[in-house]
Amino acid sequence: MTIMEPAAAANELSGEKIALRRLSTSDLASLTTNQRQEDWAHDFPQPGDIDAARVVPMDMEFPRYGAYLAVERATGQVVGTAGFQGPVMDGELEIGYGIVPSVRKRGYATECLGLLVRFATAEPDVEFLTAHTEEPNIASQNVLLNGGFMPVETDGPSLTFRHSLAAAPRYIGSRP
């Protein structure tokens, strides 16, 4: 049996429209104290961004599956957050994302989701991704469904979606 060492945490995940930049200690301090930065979009952060930042201990070493700032490539502005809410539990890893209202409907959430899925797919300990959204948030549900996530039954007030990272079976020879 071979034990695989995890690869180094990615400091940036790059897409066509969005770059996900690893959340730093100074980013975290700015978010939790609401100290506006020059590169923040006028409507960043949203309450969910601040709430998420407040649960990360200031003195912790950032985990492998951490949080990122979503940076709009065209302007260099921070327009949201995305990331993993680790650790991996029984092969399952939770993800989340949020884009500010001023730049929604540009495919940014879809690209953030795709970057997170691509990163997680290369990880040997991650078999499933889960994401949660509120029932009225149809746009987020559509992003998840288009990204290969499927709804699962839950008892809570939010909706849960799950995506399997297991490789699809391949046919050898001719198809039946």
N, C-alpha and C. Protein backbone atom coordinates (compact mmCIF):
# COMPACT_ATOMS: atom_id res chain seq x y z
N MET A 1 0.85 -1.18 0.00
CA MET A 1 0.00 0.00 0.00
C MET A 1 0.89 1.23 0.00
N THR A 2 0.52 2.22 -0.81
CA THR A 2 1.27 3.46 -0.90
C THR A 2 0.50 4.55 -0.18
N ILE A 3 1.19 5.26 0.68
CA ILE A 3 0.57 6.38 1.36
C ILE A 3 0.94 7.62 0.57
N MET A 4 -0.07 8.38 0.15
CA MET A 4 0.18 9.57 -0.65
C MET A 4 0.27 10.79 0.25
N GLU A 5 1.33 11.54 0.07
CA GLU A 5 1.47 12.80 0.77
C GLU A 5 0.60 13.84 0.06
N PRO A 6 -0.14 14.65 0.81
CA PRO A 6 -0.93 15.68 0.13
C PRO A 6 -0.02 16.72 -0.50
N ALA A 7 -0.44 17.23 -1.63
CA ALA A 7 0.30 18.29 -2.29
C ALA A 7 0.20 19.56 -1.46
N ALA A 8 1.05 20.52 -1.75
CA ALA A 8 1.00 21.79 -1.04
C ALA A 8 -0.32 22.50 -1.35
N ALA A 9 -0.80 23.25 -0.38
CA ALA A 9 -2.02 24.01 -0.59
C ALA A 9 -1.79 25.04 -1.69
N ALA A 10 -2.78 25.22 -2.53
CA ALA A 10 -2.67 26.17 -3.64
C ALA A 10 -2.88 27.59 -3.12
N ASN A 11 -1.95 28.50 -3.47
CA ASN A 11 -2.11 29.89 -3.09
C ASN A 11 -3.03 30.64 -4.04
N GLU A 12 -3.16 30.13 -5.26
CA GLU A 12 -4.07 30.73 -6.22
C GLU A 12 -4.61 29.66 -7.14
N LEU A 13 -5.90 29.75 -7.40
CA LEU A 13 -6.57 28.90 -8.39
C LEU A 13 -7.01 29.85 -9.50
N SER A 14 -6.54 29.62 -10.70
CA SER A 14 -6.75 30.57 -11.78
C SER A 14 -7.81 30.13 -12.77
N GLY A 15 -8.70 31.05 -13.07
CA GLY A 15 -9.71 30.83 -14.08
C GLY A 15 -9.62 31.92 -15.14
N GLU A 16 -10.54 31.87 -16.08
CA GLU A 16 -10.55 32.86 -17.17
C GLU A 16 -10.98 34.24 -16.68
N LYS A 17 -12.02 34.29 -15.84
CA LYS A 17 -12.58 35.56 -15.37
C LYS A 17 -12.21 35.88 -13.92
N ILE A 18 -11.93 34.82 -13.16
CA ILE A 18 -11.72 34.94 -11.71
C ILE A 18 -10.42 34.24 -11.33
N ALA A 19 -9.72 34.83 -10.38
CA ALA A 19 -8.60 34.16 -9.73
C ALA A 19 -8.98 34.02 -8.26
N LEU A 20 -8.84 32.83 -7.73
CA LEU A 20 -9.08 32.62 -6.30
C LEU A 20 -7.74 32.74 -5.59
N ARG A 21 -7.60 33.81 -4.77
CA ARG A 21 -6.37 34.09 -4.05
C ARG A 21 -6.52 33.64 -2.60
N ARG A 22 -5.60 32.82 -2.15
CA ARG A 22 -5.65 32.27 -0.79
C ARG A 22 -5.81 33.38 0.24
N LEU A 23 -6.73 33.21 1.16
CA LEU A 23 -6.98 34.17 2.23
C LEU A 23 -5.76 34.22 3.15
N SER A 24 -5.21 35.40 3.35
CA SER A 24 -4.04 35.57 4.22
C SER A 24 -4.48 36.04 5.61
N THR A 25 -3.54 36.08 6.53
CA THR A 25 -3.83 36.57 7.87
C THR A 25 -4.28 38.02 7.82
N SER A 26 -3.65 38.85 6.97
CA SER A 26 -4.06 40.26 6.88
C SER A 26 -5.45 40.39 6.24
N ASP A 27 -5.76 39.54 5.24
CA ASP A 27 -7.11 39.53 4.66
C ASP A 27 -8.14 39.20 5.73
N LEU A 28 -7.83 38.20 6.52
CA LEU A 28 -8.74 37.77 7.58
C LEU A 28 -8.96 38.89 8.59
N ALA A 29 -7.88 39.58 8.97
CA ALA A 29 -7.99 40.69 9.93
C ALA A 29 -8.85 41.81 9.34
N SER A 30 -8.66 42.12 8.07
CA SER A 30 -9.45 43.17 7.42
C SER A 30 -10.93 42.80 7.39
N LEU A 31 -11.22 41.54 7.09
CA LEU A 31 -12.62 41.10 7.04
C LEU A 31 -13.28 41.13 8.41
N THR A 32 -12.59 40.63 9.43
CA THR A 32 -13.22 40.52 10.74
C THR A 32 -13.36 41.87 11.43
N THR A 33 -12.53 42.86 11.06
CA THR A 33 -12.64 44.19 11.67
C THR A 33 -13.29 45.19 10.73
N ASN A 34 -13.70 44.72 9.55
CA ASN A 34 -14.34 45.54 8.53
C ASN A 34 -13.50 46.75 8.14
N GLN A 35 -12.20 46.52 7.97
CA GLN A 35 -11.29 47.56 7.49
C GLN A 35 -11.22 47.44 5.97
N ARG A 36 -11.90 48.36 5.29
CA ARG A 36 -11.97 48.31 3.82
C ARG A 36 -10.59 48.39 3.20
N GLN A 37 -10.41 47.61 2.14
CA GLN A 37 -9.17 47.61 1.39
C GLN A 37 -9.41 48.24 0.02
N GLU A 38 -8.38 48.80 -0.56
CA GLU A 38 -8.51 49.49 -1.85
C GLU A 38 -8.97 48.57 -2.97
N ASP A 39 -8.60 47.30 -2.90
CA ASP A 39 -8.95 46.39 -4.00
C ASP A 39 -10.29 45.68 -3.80
N TRP A 40 -11.06 46.09 -2.81
CA TRP A 40 -12.37 45.49 -2.59
C TRP A 40 -13.42 46.20 -3.46
N ALA A 41 -14.30 45.43 -4.08
CA ALA A 41 -15.45 46.00 -4.78
C ALA A 41 -16.26 46.81 -3.77
N HIS A 42 -17.01 47.79 -4.25
CA HIS A 42 -17.74 48.68 -3.34
C HIS A 42 -18.72 47.94 -2.44
N ASP A 43 -19.22 46.77 -2.87
CA ASP A 43 -20.18 46.03 -2.05
C ASP A 43 -19.59 44.76 -1.43
N PHE A 44 -18.26 44.70 -1.36
CA PHE A 44 -17.58 43.61 -0.66
C PHE A 44 -17.04 44.18 0.64
N PRO A 45 -17.15 43.43 1.74
CA PRO A 45 -17.70 42.09 1.88
C PRO A 45 -19.20 42.12 2.16
N GLN A 46 -19.83 40.99 1.88
CA GLN A 46 -21.22 40.78 2.22
C GLN A 46 -21.26 40.16 3.63
N PRO A 47 -22.42 40.18 4.29
CA PRO A 47 -22.50 39.61 5.65
C PRO A 47 -21.98 38.16 5.73
N GLY A 48 -22.25 37.34 4.72
CA GLY A 48 -21.77 35.96 4.74
C GLY A 48 -20.26 35.85 4.71
N ASP A 49 -19.60 36.78 4.03
CA ASP A 49 -18.13 36.80 4.00
C ASP A 49 -17.57 37.09 5.39
N ILE A 50 -18.16 38.05 6.06
CA ILE A 50 -17.71 38.43 7.40
C ILE A 50 -18.00 37.32 8.39
N ASP A 51 -19.20 36.72 8.31
CA ASP A 51 -19.54 35.61 9.21
C ASP A 51 -18.57 34.45 9.05
N ALA A 52 -18.24 34.12 7.80
CA ALA A 52 -17.31 33.02 7.55
C ALA A 52 -15.93 33.34 8.10
N ALA A 53 -15.48 34.57 7.94
CA ALA A 53 -14.16 34.96 8.43
C ALA A 53 -14.09 34.92 9.95
N ARG A 54 -15.17 35.22 10.61
CA ARG A 54 -15.17 35.26 12.08
C ARG A 54 -15.02 33.89 12.72
N VAL A 55 -15.27 32.82 11.99
CA VAL A 55 -15.14 31.49 12.58
C VAL A 55 -13.72 30.93 12.42
N VAL A 56 -12.86 31.64 11.69
CA VAL A 56 -11.47 31.19 11.52
C VAL A 56 -10.63 31.83 12.61
N PRO A 57 -9.96 31.01 13.45
CA PRO A 57 -9.11 31.58 14.50
C PRO A 57 -7.97 32.41 13.89
N MET A 58 -7.72 33.59 14.43
CA MET A 58 -6.69 34.49 13.90
C MET A 58 -5.29 33.89 13.96
N ASP A 59 -5.02 33.04 14.93
CA ASP A 59 -3.66 32.53 15.10
C ASP A 59 -3.45 31.15 14.46
N MET A 60 -4.44 30.68 13.74
CA MET A 60 -4.29 29.34 13.18
C MET A 60 -3.44 29.35 11.92
N GLU A 61 -2.75 28.25 11.70
CA GLU A 61 -2.06 28.07 10.43
C GLU A 61 -3.15 27.69 9.43
N PHE A 62 -3.18 28.34 8.30
CA PHE A 62 -4.27 28.11 7.37
C PHE A 62 -4.26 26.68 6.87
N PRO A 63 -5.40 26.03 6.94
CA PRO A 63 -5.48 24.61 6.57
C PRO A 63 -5.36 24.40 5.07
N ARG A 64 -5.05 23.20 4.71
CA ARG A 64 -4.90 22.82 3.31
C ARG A 64 -6.15 23.17 2.50
N TYR A 65 -7.29 22.86 3.04
CA TYR A 65 -8.56 23.16 2.37
C TYR A 65 -9.13 24.42 2.99
N GLY A 66 -8.64 25.55 2.55
CA GLY A 66 -9.01 26.81 3.16
C GLY A 66 -9.86 27.69 2.28
N ALA A 67 -9.84 28.98 2.61
CA ALA A 67 -10.69 29.97 1.95
C ALA A 67 -9.87 30.83 1.00
N TYR A 68 -10.58 31.36 0.01
CA TYR A 68 -9.97 32.21 -1.03
C TYR A 68 -10.80 33.47 -1.22
N LEU A 69 -10.12 34.53 -1.63
CA LEU A 69 -10.81 35.73 -2.11
C LEU A 69 -11.00 35.57 -3.60
N ALA A 70 -12.19 35.88 -4.09
CA ALA A 70 -12.47 35.82 -5.53
C ALA A 70 -12.11 37.18 -6.12
N VAL A 71 -11.10 37.19 -6.99
CA VAL A 71 -10.60 38.42 -7.59
C VAL A 71 -10.99 38.47 -9.06
N GLU A 72 -11.70 39.52 -9.44
CA GLU A 72 -12.10 39.71 -10.83
C GLU A 72 -10.85 40.06 -11.64
N ARG A 73 -10.54 39.23 -12.63
CA ARG A 73 -9.32 39.44 -13.41
C ARG A 73 -9.31 40.78 -14.15
N ALA A 74 -10.45 41.20 -14.71
CA ALA A 74 -10.51 42.42 -15.52
C ALA A 74 -10.19 43.68 -14.71
N THR A 75 -10.55 43.68 -13.41
CA THR A 75 -10.38 44.89 -12.60
C THR A 75 -9.40 44.72 -11.44
N GLY A 76 -9.10 43.49 -11.05
CA GLY A 76 -8.25 43.25 -9.88
C GLY A 76 -8.98 43.43 -8.57
N GLN A 77 -10.31 43.61 -8.62
CA GLN A 77 -11.09 43.82 -7.40
C GLN A 77 -11.55 42.51 -6.79
N VAL A 78 -11.58 42.49 -5.46
CA VAL A 78 -12.13 41.35 -4.73
C VAL A 78 -13.64 41.46 -4.81
N VAL A 79 -14.27 40.42 -5.36
CA VAL A 79 -15.72 40.45 -5.59
C VAL A 79 -16.45 39.32 -4.86
N GLY A 80 -15.75 38.60 -4.00
CA GLY A 80 -16.40 37.52 -3.27
C GLY A 80 -15.40 36.63 -2.57
N THR A 81 -15.93 35.56 -2.02
CA THR A 81 -15.11 34.54 -1.38
C THR A 81 -15.57 33.17 -1.85
N ALA A 82 -14.67 32.23 -1.75
CA ALA A 82 -14.98 30.84 -2.09
C ALA A 82 -13.98 29.97 -1.35
N GLY A 83 -14.34 28.73 -1.13
CA GLY A 83 -13.37 27.86 -0.50
C GLY A 83 -13.97 26.62 0.10
N PHE A 84 -13.10 25.96 0.85
CA PHE A 84 -13.42 24.69 1.48
C PHE A 84 -13.62 24.91 2.97
N GLN A 85 -14.55 24.18 3.51
CA GLN A 85 -14.81 24.25 4.94
C GLN A 85 -14.43 22.90 5.53
N GLY A 86 -13.11 22.65 5.55
CA GLY A 86 -12.55 21.37 5.97
C GLY A 86 -12.60 21.21 7.46
N PRO A 87 -12.09 20.14 7.96
CA PRO A 87 -11.29 19.12 7.27
C PRO A 87 -12.17 18.11 6.54
N VAL A 88 -11.51 17.25 5.79
CA VAL A 88 -12.20 16.16 5.10
C VAL A 88 -12.68 15.17 6.16
N MET A 89 -13.96 14.83 6.09
CA MET A 89 -14.54 13.88 7.04
C MET A 89 -15.12 12.72 6.26
N ASP A 90 -14.58 11.53 6.44
CA ASP A 90 -15.06 10.33 5.74
C ASP A 90 -15.11 10.53 4.23
N GLY A 91 -14.11 11.19 3.68
CA GLY A 91 -14.02 11.40 2.25
C GLY A 91 -14.84 12.57 1.74
N GLU A 92 -15.53 13.27 2.63
CA GLU A 92 -16.42 14.36 2.22
C GLU A 92 -15.86 15.71 2.66
N LEU A 93 -15.95 16.70 1.77
CA LEU A 93 -15.45 18.04 2.02
C LEU A 93 -16.53 19.04 1.62
N GLU A 94 -16.79 20.02 2.48
CA GLU A 94 -17.81 21.03 2.20
C GLU A 94 -17.19 22.23 1.50
N ILE A 95 -17.91 22.78 0.54
CA ILE A 95 -17.46 23.99 -0.14
C ILE A 95 -18.51 25.08 -0.02
N GLY A 96 -18.07 26.30 -0.26
CA GLY A 96 -18.98 27.44 -0.26
C GLY A 96 -18.42 28.53 -1.16
N TYR A 97 -19.30 29.42 -1.57
CA TYR A 97 -18.89 30.54 -2.42
C TYR A 97 -19.92 31.64 -2.31
N GLY A 98 -19.51 32.85 -2.59
CA GLY A 98 -20.41 33.98 -2.61
C GLY A 98 -19.82 35.09 -3.46
N ILE A 99 -20.63 35.68 -4.30
CA ILE A 99 -20.22 36.76 -5.19
C ILE A 99 -21.08 37.98 -4.86
N VAL A 100 -20.48 39.17 -4.84
CA VAL A 100 -21.23 40.38 -4.50
C VAL A 100 -22.29 40.69 -5.56
N PRO A 101 -23.39 41.33 -5.15
CA PRO A 101 -24.48 41.60 -6.09
C PRO A 101 -24.09 42.42 -7.33
N SER A 102 -23.11 43.32 -7.19
CA SER A 102 -22.78 44.20 -8.32
C SER A 102 -22.18 43.48 -9.52
N VAL A 103 -21.69 42.26 -9.33
CA VAL A 103 -21.07 41.54 -10.45
C VAL A 103 -21.69 40.16 -10.68
N ARG A 104 -22.86 39.94 -10.15
CA ARG A 104 -23.52 38.64 -10.36
C ARG A 104 -23.99 38.51 -11.81
N LYS A 105 -24.30 37.30 -12.20
CA LYS A 105 -24.79 36.95 -13.55
C LYS A 105 -23.72 37.15 -14.62
N ARG A 106 -22.46 36.97 -14.21
CA ARG A 106 -21.34 37.05 -15.16
C ARG A 106 -20.59 35.72 -15.24
N GLY A 107 -21.11 34.70 -14.56
CA GLY A 107 -20.46 33.40 -14.57
C GLY A 107 -19.38 33.23 -13.51
N TYR A 108 -19.25 34.20 -12.60
CA TYR A 108 -18.18 34.13 -11.60
C TYR A 108 -18.40 33.01 -10.59
N ALA A 109 -19.62 32.83 -10.11
CA ALA A 109 -19.89 31.75 -9.16
C ALA A 109 -19.65 30.40 -9.81
N THR A 110 -20.06 30.27 -11.06
CA THR A 110 -19.83 29.03 -11.80
C THR A 110 -18.35 28.75 -11.94
N GLU A 111 -17.57 29.77 -12.25
CA GLU A 111 -16.13 29.58 -12.38
C GLU A 111 -15.48 29.26 -11.05
N CYS A 112 -15.90 29.92 -9.98
CA CYS A 112 -15.38 29.61 -8.64
C CYS A 112 -15.64 28.15 -8.29
N LEU A 113 -16.87 27.71 -8.52
CA LEU A 113 -17.23 26.33 -8.23
C LEU A 113 -16.36 25.37 -9.03
N GLY A 114 -16.19 25.65 -10.32
CA GLY A 114 -15.36 24.79 -11.17
C GLY A 114 -13.92 24.72 -10.69
N LEU A 115 -13.36 25.85 -10.26
CA LEU A 115 -11.98 25.85 -9.75
C LEU A 115 -11.85 25.02 -8.48
N LEU A 116 -12.83 25.13 -7.60
CA LEU A 116 -12.81 24.34 -6.36
C LEU A 116 -12.94 22.85 -6.65
N VAL A 117 -13.85 22.50 -7.56
CA VAL A 117 -14.04 21.09 -7.92
C VAL A 117 -12.76 20.54 -8.55
N ARG A 118 -12.15 21.30 -9.46
CA ARG A 118 -10.92 20.84 -10.11
C ARG A 118 -9.81 20.61 -9.09
N PHE A 119 -9.67 21.52 -8.12
CA PHE A 119 -8.66 21.36 -7.07
C PHE A 119 -8.95 20.09 -6.26
N ALA A 120 -10.19 19.92 -5.84
CA ALA A 120 -10.56 18.79 -4.99
C ALA A 120 -10.43 17.46 -5.72
N THR A 121 -10.66 17.45 -7.03
CA THR A 121 -10.58 16.22 -7.81
C THR A 121 -9.18 15.62 -7.76
N ALA A 122 -8.17 16.46 -7.62
CA ALA A 122 -6.78 15.97 -7.58
C ALA A 122 -6.36 15.50 -6.19
N GLU A 123 -7.24 15.62 -5.22
CA GLU A 123 -6.91 15.26 -3.85
C GLU A 123 -7.30 13.81 -3.55
N PRO A 124 -6.34 12.99 -3.10
CA PRO A 124 -6.65 11.58 -2.89
C PRO A 124 -7.61 11.29 -1.74
N ASP A 125 -7.75 12.21 -0.78
CA ASP A 125 -8.62 11.94 0.37
C ASP A 125 -10.04 12.47 0.20
N VAL A 126 -10.34 13.14 -0.92
CA VAL A 126 -11.66 13.72 -1.14
C VAL A 126 -12.42 12.87 -2.15
N GLU A 127 -13.56 12.34 -1.71
CA GLU A 127 -14.41 11.53 -2.58
C GLU A 127 -15.69 12.25 -2.98
N PHE A 128 -16.18 13.12 -2.10
CA PHE A 128 -17.43 13.84 -2.33
C PHE A 128 -17.26 15.29 -1.90
N LEU A 129 -17.97 16.18 -2.58
CA LEU A 129 -18.08 17.57 -2.15
C LEU A 129 -19.53 17.83 -1.79
N THR A 130 -19.76 18.63 -0.77
CA THR A 130 -21.11 19.04 -0.42
C THR A 130 -21.17 20.56 -0.40
N ALA A 131 -22.34 21.09 -0.66
CA ALA A 131 -22.59 22.52 -0.61
C ALA A 131 -24.00 22.75 -0.10
N HIS A 132 -24.20 23.86 0.56
CA HIS A 132 -25.51 24.21 1.11
C HIS A 132 -25.96 25.54 0.54
N THR A 133 -27.25 25.68 0.34
CA THR A 133 -27.82 26.94 -0.10
C THR A 133 -29.22 27.06 0.48
N GLU A 134 -29.67 28.28 0.56
CA GLU A 134 -31.02 28.52 1.06
C GLU A 134 -32.04 28.22 -0.04
N GLU A 135 -33.21 27.78 0.35
CA GLU A 135 -34.24 27.40 -0.63
C GLU A 135 -34.61 28.52 -1.61
N PRO A 136 -34.69 29.79 -1.18
CA PRO A 136 -35.04 30.83 -2.16
C PRO A 136 -33.92 31.17 -3.14
N ASN A 137 -32.70 30.70 -2.91
CA ASN A 137 -31.56 31.06 -3.74
C ASN A 137 -31.48 30.15 -4.98
N ILE A 138 -32.37 30.39 -5.92
CA ILE A 138 -32.46 29.58 -7.14
C ILE A 138 -31.19 29.70 -7.97
N ALA A 139 -30.59 30.89 -8.02
CA ALA A 139 -29.36 31.08 -8.82
C ALA A 139 -28.25 30.16 -8.32
N SER A 140 -28.06 30.08 -7.02
CA SER A 140 -27.02 29.20 -6.47
C SER A 140 -27.35 27.73 -6.71
N GLN A 141 -28.62 27.39 -6.60
CA GLN A 141 -29.02 26.01 -6.89
C GLN A 141 -28.70 25.65 -8.34
N ASN A 142 -28.94 26.58 -9.26
CA ASN A 142 -28.63 26.33 -10.66
C ASN A 142 -27.13 26.20 -10.90
N VAL A 143 -26.33 27.01 -10.21
CA VAL A 143 -24.87 26.89 -10.33
C VAL A 143 -24.44 25.49 -9.89
N LEU A 144 -24.97 25.03 -8.76
CA LEU A 144 -24.61 23.71 -8.25
C LEU A 144 -25.06 22.60 -9.20
N LEU A 145 -26.30 22.68 -9.66
CA LEU A 145 -26.81 21.65 -10.58
C LEU A 145 -25.99 21.61 -11.88
N ASN A 146 -25.68 22.78 -12.43
CA ASN A 146 -24.88 22.84 -13.65
C ASN A 146 -23.44 22.39 -13.42
N GLY A 147 -22.99 22.44 -12.17
CA GLY A 147 -21.65 22.01 -11.82
C GLY A 147 -21.55 20.53 -11.46
N GLY A 148 -22.64 19.80 -11.67
CA GLY A 148 -22.61 18.36 -11.41
C GLY A 148 -23.04 17.95 -10.01
N PHE A 149 -23.54 18.87 -9.22
CA PHE A 149 -24.02 18.55 -7.87
C PHE A 149 -25.47 18.10 -7.96
N MET A 150 -25.85 17.21 -7.08
CA MET A 150 -27.22 16.70 -7.02
C MET A 150 -27.79 16.97 -5.63
N PRO A 151 -29.09 17.31 -5.57
CA PRO A 151 -29.69 17.55 -4.25
C PRO A 151 -29.80 16.25 -3.45
N VAL A 152 -29.64 16.38 -2.16
CA VAL A 152 -29.80 15.23 -1.25
C VAL A 152 -30.80 15.63 -0.18
N GLU A 153 -31.46 14.64 0.39
CA GLU A 153 -32.45 14.92 1.44
C GLU A 153 -31.75 15.36 2.71
N THR A 154 -32.32 16.39 3.33
CA THR A 154 -31.79 16.89 4.59
C THR A 154 -32.94 17.23 5.52
N ASP A 155 -32.61 17.34 6.80
CA ASP A 155 -33.61 17.70 7.80
C ASP A 155 -33.58 19.19 8.13
N GLY A 156 -32.53 19.89 7.68
CA GLY A 156 -32.35 21.28 8.06
C GLY A 156 -33.10 22.26 7.18
N PRO A 157 -32.97 23.55 7.51
CA PRO A 157 -33.66 24.59 6.75
C PRO A 157 -33.01 24.89 5.40
N SER A 158 -31.74 24.54 5.23
CA SER A 158 -31.07 24.80 3.95
C SER A 158 -31.09 23.54 3.08
N LEU A 159 -30.86 23.75 1.79
CA LEU A 159 -30.78 22.64 0.85
C LEU A 159 -29.34 22.18 0.75
N THR A 160 -29.13 20.88 0.63
CA THR A 160 -27.79 20.32 0.52
C THR A 160 -27.64 19.66 -0.84
N PHE A 161 -26.47 19.89 -1.44
CA PHE A 161 -26.13 19.30 -2.74
C PHE A 161 -24.83 18.54 -2.58
N ARG A 162 -24.69 17.46 -3.34
CA ARG A 162 -23.51 16.60 -3.24
C ARG A 162 -22.98 16.27 -4.63
N HIS A 163 -21.65 16.22 -4.72
CA HIS A 163 -20.99 15.91 -5.99
C HIS A 163 -19.95 14.82 -5.74
N SER A 164 -20.05 13.72 -6.48
CA SER A 164 -19.09 12.63 -6.35
C SER A 164 -17.88 12.93 -7.24
N LEU A 165 -16.70 12.75 -6.69
CA LEU A 165 -15.47 12.96 -7.45
C LEU A 165 -14.90 11.65 -7.96
N ALA A 166 -15.63 10.56 -7.72
CA ALA A 166 -15.17 9.25 -8.20
C ALA A 166 -15.11 9.25 -9.72
N ALA A 167 -14.09 8.62 -10.23
CA ALA A 167 -13.93 8.56 -11.69
C ALA A 167 -15.09 7.81 -12.31
N ALA A 168 -15.55 8.31 -13.43
CA ALA A 168 -16.62 7.63 -14.16
C ALA A 168 -16.06 6.37 -14.79
N PRO A 169 -16.86 5.30 -14.82
CA PRO A 169 -16.36 4.07 -15.44
C PRO A 169 -16.12 4.28 -16.93
N ARG A 170 -15.09 3.64 -17.44
CA ARG A 170 -14.77 3.76 -18.86
C ARG A 170 -15.01 2.43 -19.54
N TYR A 171 -15.49 2.49 -20.77
CA TYR A 171 -15.70 1.29 -21.55
C TYR A 171 -14.40 0.87 -22.21
N ILE A 172 -14.15 -0.41 -22.21
CA ILE A 172 -13.00 -0.97 -22.93
C ILE A 172 -13.56 -1.74 -24.11
N GLY A 173 -13.06 -1.42 -25.27
CA GLY A 173 -13.61 -2.08 -26.47
C GLY A 173 -14.83 -1.34 -26.95
N SER A 174 -15.77 -2.06 -27.53
CA SER A 174 -16.97 -1.42 -28.05
C SER A 174 -18.01 -1.27 -26.96
N ARG A 175 -18.81 -0.26 -27.09
CA ARG A 175 -19.87 -0.01 -26.11
C ARG A 175 -21.00 -0.97 -26.34
N PRO A 176 -21.71 -1.34 -25.28
CA PRO A 176 -22.86 -2.25 -25.42
C PRO A 176 -24.00 -1.62 -26.18
